[in-house]
Amino acid sequence: MKIKGIYTPVVTPFRKNFEIDFESLEKILKFLLKKKIHGIVVGGTTGEYFSLNFQERIQLFEFVKKIVGNKCQLIAGTTAINANEAIELSLIAKYLGYKCILLGSPPYSQPTQDESAQFFLNIAKKVQIPIMMYNFPEKMAFEIKEPFLKKVMSNKFFTSIKHNSSNPAMIRHFASNYPSLQIACGNDLQFLEFCSWGSESWVGGMSNCFPQLHIEIYKNAIINKNFDKARDRLLKLKQIIDYVISIGKYTQSVKFIMKELGLCNELCRPPYLTLNIDEKKKVKKYLNLILK
């Protein structure tokens, strides 16, 4: 499976009673499809998979597949604390027609490189569809390193990696040592650095809000090879992303922006809270700069 373009890790909207708001989700999916997004990731970190029970995650897979069909690529996020649950979710995603899964090491467990590699290989053996490995040590408490890669990269199902780490040296390592590995940018402000090492894809949470801007950045960088124009477009996002990261409320901010755009309400499930009044004012200020 070729990973190329902008992939939106779609949010999971909630009603006031914190049940999944499928009506708003359909609205979001149709908005993304209208903007010609290249792919959608279901049940990722921005989708608050950690707050969903097993059945809800399956319902999301089913609903998104029903609405999207084959209009863009679909990737199922199947990371779970329980290893057996990750296997079951992956098998269900395959059955529903997903062509790729996004898989991270079980959060909080802190396995060794060898233990995590065996876990990934076991899922690959059982599921047998392309796997995008999720390298996000700040969230997962596990970093994909060379001992892990040595064990898994001989398996044909490990085709791509979403890299979101404060360690930029690993981008060079992936590109230099594993040329067949497709590297997806997982950091909202580093896409151009990833491009310089051969990456052609970006899994960006802010593309929930600004899909067209993300696509413009991608087209200028990858298709037109106009890095100056791509950088100018990326700088439009910088202020709002810098602020959101500085307050430590990424998903909460994405949902607030989507509320302002009329796509869904701003509710996240606990322990997340909505932005406070001052935070909302600042996010709106940066949003208006992007929209003007």
Protein backbone atom coordinates (compact mmCIF):
# COMPACT_ATOMS: atom_id res chain seq x y z
CA MET A 1 0.00 0.00 0.00
CA LYS A 2 1.49 3.29 -1.12
CA ILE A 3 1.32 5.95 1.61
CA LYS A 4 1.27 9.33 -0.10
CA GLY A 5 -0.46 12.59 0.71
CA ILE A 6 -2.32 14.07 3.67
CA TYR A 7 -3.90 11.64 6.13
CA THR A 8 -6.30 13.04 8.72
CA PRO A 9 -6.38 11.30 12.13
CA VAL A 10 -10.05 12.10 12.44
CA VAL A 11 -11.45 13.31 15.76
CA THR A 12 -14.21 11.43 17.56
CA PRO A 13 -17.01 13.94 18.25
CA PHE A 14 -19.14 13.48 21.37
CA ARG A 15 -22.63 14.58 22.41
CA LYS A 16 -23.30 16.35 25.70
CA ASN A 17 -23.82 12.96 27.35
CA PHE A 18 -20.38 11.91 25.99
CA GLU A 19 -21.83 9.32 23.63
CA ILE A 20 -20.26 9.26 20.16
CA ASP A 21 -21.90 11.86 17.91
CA PHE A 22 -22.17 9.93 14.65
CA GLU A 23 -24.15 12.71 12.97
CA SER A 24 -21.28 15.16 13.46
CA LEU A 25 -18.76 12.50 12.47
CA GLU A 26 -20.55 12.04 9.15
CA LYS A 27 -20.41 15.81 8.64
CA ILE A 28 -16.66 15.84 9.34
CA LEU A 29 -15.99 12.91 7.01
CA LYS A 30 -17.93 14.54 4.16
CA PHE A 31 -16.07 17.81 4.79
CA LEU A 32 -12.71 16.01 4.52
CA LEU A 33 -13.77 14.13 1.39
CA LYS A 34 -14.97 17.35 -0.23
CA LYS A 35 -11.54 18.86 0.39
CA LYS A 36 -9.95 15.85 -1.37
CA ILE A 37 -8.03 14.52 1.61
CA HIS A 38 -5.88 11.54 0.62
CA GLY A 39 -6.54 9.32 3.62
CA ILE A 40 -8.26 9.08 6.99
CA VAL A 41 -6.92 7.41 10.13
CA VAL A 42 -9.66 6.11 12.42
CA GLY A 43 -9.06 5.66 16.13
CA GLY A 44 -5.74 7.45 16.45
CA THR A 45 -4.50 9.63 19.30
CA THR A 46 -6.41 12.69 18.03
CA GLY A 47 -9.46 10.43 17.85
CA GLU A 48 -9.15 9.76 21.61
CA TYR A 49 -9.01 5.98 21.14
CA PHE A 50 -7.85 5.64 24.75
CA SER A 51 -11.23 6.92 25.97
CA LEU A 52 -13.25 4.46 23.88
CA ASN A 53 -14.29 0.96 24.85
CA PHE A 54 -13.75 -2.01 22.56
CA GLN A 55 -17.24 -1.95 21.08
CA GLU A 56 -17.10 1.79 20.39
CA ARG A 57 -13.86 1.37 18.48
CA ILE A 58 -15.48 -1.28 16.30
CA GLN A 59 -18.51 0.99 15.75
CA LEU A 60 -16.17 3.75 14.57
CA PHE A 61 -14.43 1.42 12.12
CA GLU A 62 -17.80 0.29 10.75
CA PHE A 63 -19.31 3.77 10.50
CA VAL A 64 -16.32 5.42 8.82
CA LYS A 65 -16.01 2.59 6.31
CA LYS A 66 -19.73 2.89 5.52
CA ILE A 67 -19.53 6.66 4.90
CA VAL A 68 -16.15 6.81 3.17
CA GLY A 69 -16.18 3.53 1.26
CA ASN A 70 -13.30 3.63 -1.22
CA LYS A 71 -13.29 7.41 -1.73
CA CYS A 72 -9.93 7.70 0.05
CA GLN A 73 -7.50 5.41 1.83
CA LEU A 74 -8.55 4.26 5.29
CA ILE A 75 -6.18 3.26 8.08
CA ALA A 76 -7.46 1.72 11.32
CA GLY A 77 -5.73 2.67 14.56
CA THR A 78 -5.57 -0.54 16.59
CA THR A 79 -3.15 0.34 19.39
CA ALA A 80 -4.38 -0.97 22.75
CA ILE A 81 -3.01 -1.56 26.25
CA ASN A 82 -4.28 -5.12 26.06
CA ALA A 83 -2.31 -7.07 23.44
CA ASN A 84 -5.18 -9.43 22.63
CA GLU A 85 -7.48 -6.46 22.09
CA ALA A 86 -5.02 -5.00 19.58
CA ILE A 87 -5.06 -8.29 17.67
CA GLU A 88 -8.88 -8.47 17.68
CA LEU A 89 -9.26 -4.87 16.54
CA SER A 90 -6.76 -5.46 13.74
CA LEU A 91 -8.59 -8.57 12.53
CA ILE A 92 -11.94 -6.76 12.60
CA ALA A 93 -10.48 -3.81 10.66
CA LYS A 94 -9.21 -6.21 8.00
CA TYR A 95 -12.60 -7.93 7.81
CA LEU A 96 -14.29 -4.54 7.31
CA GLY A 97 -12.03 -3.75 4.37
CA TYR A 98 -9.32 -1.54 5.87
CA LYS A 99 -6.10 -1.99 3.91
CA CYS A 100 -3.68 -0.88 6.62
CA ILE A 101 -3.50 -0.61 10.41
CA LEU A 102 -1.68 1.95 12.55
CA LEU A 103 -0.08 0.07 15.42
CA GLY A 104 1.86 1.29 18.43
CA SER A 105 3.45 -0.59 21.28
CA PRO A 106 0.95 -1.08 24.15
CA PRO A 107 1.05 2.23 26.08
CA TYR A 108 2.34 2.24 29.66
CA SER A 109 3.77 -1.30 29.41
CA GLN A 110 7.32 -0.14 28.50
CA PRO A 111 8.44 -3.37 26.80
CA THR A 112 12.01 -3.99 25.68
CA GLN A 113 12.91 -3.63 22.01
CA ASP A 114 12.80 -7.42 21.63
CA GLU A 115 9.46 -7.77 23.44
CA SER A 116 7.81 -5.09 21.34
CA ALA A 117 9.21 -6.58 18.13
CA GLN A 118 7.76 -9.99 19.00
CA PHE A 119 4.40 -8.35 19.73
CA PHE A 120 4.38 -6.61 16.34
CA LEU A 121 5.48 -9.76 14.51
CA ASN A 122 2.72 -11.76 16.18
CA ILE A 123 0.09 -9.30 14.97
CA ALA A 124 1.58 -9.28 11.46
CA LYS A 125 1.41 -13.09 11.38
CA LYS A 126 -2.23 -13.15 12.48
CA VAL A 127 -3.58 -10.19 10.50
CA GLN A 128 -1.46 -10.16 7.32
CA ILE A 129 -2.17 -6.66 6.06
CA PRO A 130 0.20 -3.67 5.78
CA ILE A 131 1.17 -2.15 9.12
CA MET A 132 2.11 1.47 9.76
CA MET A 133 4.24 1.41 12.89
CA TYR A 134 3.55 4.25 15.32
CA ASN A 135 6.65 5.80 16.84
CA PHE A 136 5.51 8.32 19.46
CA PRO A 137 7.71 7.78 22.54
CA GLU A 138 6.34 10.80 24.40
CA LYS A 139 2.89 9.16 24.43
CA MET A 140 3.71 5.46 24.22
CA ALA A 141 6.68 5.31 26.63
CA PHE A 142 8.45 3.25 23.96
CA GLU A 143 10.74 4.36 21.13
CA ILE A 144 11.33 2.34 17.99
CA LYS A 145 15.07 1.87 17.64
CA GLU A 146 17.46 -0.27 15.62
CA PRO A 147 17.14 -3.51 17.68
CA PHE A 148 13.37 -3.42 17.03
CA LEU A 149 13.78 -2.61 13.34
CA LYS A 150 16.32 -5.38 12.80
CA LYS A 151 13.76 -7.93 13.92
CA VAL A 152 10.67 -6.67 12.10
CA MET A 153 11.87 -5.18 8.81
CA SER A 154 12.40 -8.54 7.12
CA ASN A 155 8.62 -9.02 7.39
CA LYS A 156 6.82 -7.74 4.28
CA PHE A 157 3.85 -6.34 6.21
CA PHE A 158 5.85 -3.57 7.92
CA THR A 159 5.59 -1.07 5.10
CA SER A 160 5.48 2.33 6.80
CA ILE A 161 6.09 4.23 10.00
CA LYS A 162 4.43 7.30 11.48
CA HIS A 163 7.22 9.13 13.25
CA ASN A 164 6.36 11.72 15.89
CA SER A 165 9.39 12.18 18.08
CA SER A 166 11.71 14.87 19.38
CA ASN A 167 14.57 12.76 17.97
CA PRO A 168 15.03 13.96 14.36
CA ALA A 169 18.08 11.73 13.90
CA MET A 170 15.74 8.74 13.56
CA ILE A 171 14.27 10.17 10.34
CA ARG A 172 17.73 10.01 8.79
CA HIS A 173 18.23 6.54 10.23
CA PHE A 174 14.99 5.20 8.74
CA ALA A 175 15.70 6.71 5.32
CA SER A 176 19.36 5.67 5.18
CA ASN A 177 19.04 2.12 6.48
CA TYR A 178 15.54 1.10 5.35
CA PRO A 179 14.92 2.67 1.93
CA SER A 180 11.75 0.61 1.37
CA LEU A 181 10.17 1.95 4.58
CA GLN A 182 7.64 4.70 3.89
CA ILE A 183 8.06 7.47 6.47
CA ALA A 184 4.94 9.43 7.41
CA CYS A 185 5.42 12.74 9.20
CA GLY A 186 3.61 12.79 12.53
CA ASN A 187 4.81 16.23 13.62
CA ASP A 188 2.73 19.20 12.49
CA LEU A 189 5.67 21.53 11.89
CA GLN A 190 8.33 19.15 10.52
CA PHE A 191 6.81 18.03 7.23
CA LEU A 192 9.40 19.82 5.09
CA GLU A 193 12.24 18.23 7.06
CA PHE A 194 10.63 14.84 6.48
CA CYS A 195 10.32 15.63 2.76
CA SER A 196 14.06 16.21 2.53
CA TRP A 197 14.53 12.56 3.56
CA GLY A 198 12.06 11.16 1.06
CA SER A 199 8.80 11.27 3.01
CA GLU A 200 5.68 11.81 0.91
CA SER A 201 3.00 11.66 3.60
CA TRP A 202 1.82 13.62 6.60
CA VAL A 203 -0.53 12.40 9.33
CA GLY A 204 -1.46 15.74 10.86
CA GLY A 205 -4.15 16.34 13.48
CA MET A 206 -4.69 19.93 12.37
CA SER A 207 -5.81 18.66 8.97
CA ASN A 208 -9.15 18.01 10.70
CA CYS A 209 -9.51 21.80 10.69
CA PHE A 210 -7.42 22.93 7.72
CA PRO A 211 -7.35 20.11 5.14
CA GLN A 212 -7.02 22.46 2.18
CA LEU A 213 -4.00 24.23 3.67
CA HIS A 214 -2.32 20.89 4.39
CA ILE A 215 -2.96 19.72 0.83
CA GLU A 216 -1.48 22.96 -0.54
CA ILE A 217 1.66 22.42 1.53
CA TYR A 218 1.90 18.82 0.31
CA LYS A 219 1.39 19.71 -3.36
CA ASN A 220 3.94 22.51 -3.28
CA ALA A 221 6.55 20.40 -1.50
CA ILE A 222 6.06 17.00 -3.17
CA ILE A 223 4.51 17.63 -6.58
CA ASN A 224 5.66 21.13 -7.55
CA LYS A 225 8.98 21.02 -5.66
CA ASN A 226 8.36 24.61 -4.58
CA PHE A 227 9.68 24.54 -1.03
CA ASP A 228 9.51 28.33 -0.65
CA LYS A 229 5.77 28.31 -1.28
CA ALA A 230 5.30 25.23 0.91
CA ARG A 231 7.19 26.94 3.72
CA ASP A 232 5.04 30.07 3.40
CA ARG A 233 1.90 27.95 3.75
CA LEU A 234 3.34 26.03 6.70
CA LEU A 235 4.17 29.29 8.48
CA LYS A 236 0.44 30.11 8.43
CA LEU A 237 -0.06 27.15 10.77
CA LYS A 238 2.93 27.79 12.99
CA GLN A 239 1.48 30.31 15.44
CA ILE A 240 -1.61 28.30 16.29
CA ILE A 241 0.32 25.03 16.56
CA ASP A 242 3.04 26.58 18.72
CA TYR A 243 0.40 27.95 21.09
CA VAL A 244 -1.59 24.71 21.25
CA ILE A 245 1.54 22.74 22.04
CA SER A 246 2.64 25.28 24.66
CA ILE A 247 -0.58 24.83 26.67
CA GLY A 248 -0.51 21.04 26.30
CA LYS A 249 -4.05 20.84 24.90
CA TYR A 250 -3.75 19.60 21.34
CA THR A 251 -6.91 17.54 20.85
CA GLN A 252 -8.96 19.96 22.95
CA SER A 253 -7.81 22.82 20.71
CA VAL A 254 -8.50 20.91 17.49
CA LYS A 255 -12.05 20.30 18.66
CA PHE A 256 -12.54 23.93 19.68
CA ILE A 257 -11.41 25.05 16.22
CA MET A 258 -13.79 22.55 14.64
CA LYS A 259 -16.62 23.97 16.76
CA GLU A 260 -15.75 27.44 15.46
CA LEU A 261 -15.86 26.05 11.93
CA GLY A 262 -19.31 24.52 12.56
CA LEU A 263 -18.21 20.89 12.28
CA CYS A 264 -18.86 19.54 15.80
CA ASN A 265 -18.91 20.65 19.42
CA GLU A 266 -15.74 20.96 21.48
CA LEU A 267 -16.35 18.17 24.00
CA CYS A 268 -13.64 15.64 24.78
CA ARG A 269 -14.04 12.73 27.16
CA PRO A 270 -12.44 12.92 30.61
CA PRO A 271 -9.79 13.49 31.72
CA TYR A 272 -9.69 16.16 28.99
CA LEU A 273 -11.51 19.44 29.64
CA THR A 274 -12.51 22.15 27.20
CA LEU A 275 -10.27 25.19 26.82
CA ASN A 276 -10.67 27.99 29.33
CA ILE A 277 -11.83 31.46 28.28
CA ASP A 278 -8.34 32.91 27.84
CA GLU A 279 -7.18 29.92 25.81
CA LYS A 280 -10.22 30.16 23.55
CA LYS A 281 -9.54 33.85 22.90
CA LYS A 282 -5.96 33.14 21.86
CA VAL A 283 -6.86 30.18 19.65
CA LYS A 284 -9.59 32.29 17.97
CA LYS A 285 -7.06 35.06 17.34
CA TYR A 286 -4.69 32.65 15.57
CA LEU A 287 -7.58 30.99 13.75
CA ASN A 288 -8.71 34.33 12.35
CA LEU A 289 -5.18 34.97 11.05
CA ILE A 290 -5.33 31.70 9.12
CA LEU A 291 -8.82 32.31 7.75
CA LYS A 292 -8.38 35.91 6.64
